[in-house]
Amino acid sequence: MSVRINATSMTLEIDDRVAATARFSQHAAADGNGAWIVSTHPARLLSRNQAITALTLAERLAAGYGDDDPFVIGWREELFL
């Protein structure tokens, strides 16, 4: 499992397959600063740090951790999920 991050995209790979992605869109937010769109939560506009958290959460869930895992709980709270 790995999360690859660059200036305009992020990719979560599990077993050499893309499991989730994030992309930066300059036009996604009305404030003109842009936002990140993550494939696991496509209706949400996220900051860069939130996008990283969302991909980390997806990785943790794919590893078999459940809703009672303290990290899962904390990351979901951080993302208001």
Protein backbone atom coordinates (compact mmCIF):
# COMPACT_ATOMS: atom_id res chain seq x y z
CA MET A 1 0.00 0.00 0.00
CA SER A 2 1.25 3.43 -0.81
CA VAL A 3 -0.01 6.97 -1.21
CA ARG A 4 1.71 8.96 -3.93
CA ILE A 5 1.41 12.73 -3.70
CA ASN A 6 2.38 15.43 -6.16
CA ALA A 7 1.30 19.02 -6.78
CA THR A 8 -2.01 18.28 -8.52
CA SER A 9 -2.85 14.64 -7.85
CA MET A 10 -2.69 11.88 -5.25
CA THR A 11 -3.06 8.15 -5.68
CA LEU A 12 -3.64 5.34 -3.20
CA GLU A 13 -2.34 2.03 -4.55
CA ILE A 14 -3.13 -1.31 -2.94
CA ASP A 15 -1.59 -4.48 -4.38
CA ASP A 16 -0.42 -2.53 -7.45
CA ARG A 17 -3.98 -1.33 -8.16
CA VAL A 18 -5.31 2.18 -7.84
CA ALA A 19 -7.83 2.13 -4.98
CA ALA A 20 -8.54 5.86 -4.66
CA THR A 21 -7.44 9.12 -6.21
CA ALA A 22 -7.50 12.83 -5.50
CA ARG A 23 -7.06 15.67 -7.93
CA PHE A 24 -6.66 19.39 -7.45
CA SER A 25 -9.01 21.66 -9.36
CA GLN A 26 -8.30 25.38 -9.42
CA HIS A 27 -11.95 26.01 -10.33
CA ALA A 28 -13.57 23.73 -7.75
CA ALA A 29 -14.00 26.34 -5.01
CA ALA A 30 -15.77 29.67 -5.26
CA ASP A 31 -13.01 31.46 -3.34
CA GLY A 32 -10.62 31.14 -6.29
CA ASN A 33 -8.12 29.04 -4.31
CA GLY A 34 -9.26 25.70 -5.71
CA ALA A 35 -9.90 22.47 -3.86
CA TRP A 36 -9.11 18.78 -3.87
CA ILE A 37 -11.66 16.22 -5.08
CA VAL A 38 -11.20 12.69 -3.71
CA SER A 39 -12.74 9.67 -5.43
CA THR A 40 -14.00 8.22 -2.13
CA HIS A 41 -15.94 11.44 -1.36
CA PRO A 42 -16.55 13.09 -4.75
CA ALA A 43 -19.26 15.47 -3.55
CA ARG A 44 -16.91 17.10 -1.01
CA LEU A 45 -14.35 19.81 -1.68
CA LEU A 46 -11.31 19.25 0.51
CA SER A 47 -8.10 20.99 1.44
CA ARG A 48 -4.79 19.33 0.61
CA ASN A 49 -4.43 18.01 4.16
CA GLN A 50 -8.00 16.73 4.18
CA ALA A 51 -7.39 14.91 0.87
CA ILE A 52 -4.35 13.20 2.38
CA THR A 53 -6.44 12.24 5.42
CA ALA A 54 -9.22 10.85 3.19
CA LEU A 55 -6.76 8.66 1.29
CA THR A 56 -5.14 7.52 4.54
CA LEU A 57 -8.60 6.64 5.88
CA ALA A 58 -9.36 4.63 2.72
CA GLU A 59 -6.05 2.79 3.14
CA ARG A 60 -6.81 1.98 6.79
CA LEU A 61 -10.28 0.65 5.91
CA ALA A 62 -8.86 -1.43 3.04
CA ALA A 63 -6.40 -2.96 5.50
CA GLY A 64 -9.36 -4.40 7.40
CA TYR A 65 -9.76 -1.93 10.25
CA GLY A 66 -13.37 -1.24 11.17
CA ASP A 67 -15.58 1.55 12.42
CA ASP A 68 -14.40 1.01 16.01
CA ASP A 69 -10.72 1.66 15.19
CA PRO A 70 -9.52 4.84 16.98
CA PHE A 71 -7.74 6.12 13.86
CA VAL A 72 -10.81 5.55 11.68
CA ILE A 73 -12.97 7.36 14.23
CA GLY A 74 -10.55 10.28 14.50
CA TRP A 75 -10.03 10.71 10.75
CA ARG A 76 -13.78 10.58 10.10
CA GLU A 77 -14.32 13.25 12.75
CA GLU A 78 -11.57 15.36 11.18
CA LEU A 79 -13.34 15.07 7.80
CA PHE A 80 -16.81 15.60 9.31
CA LEU A 81 -18.01 12.21 8.03
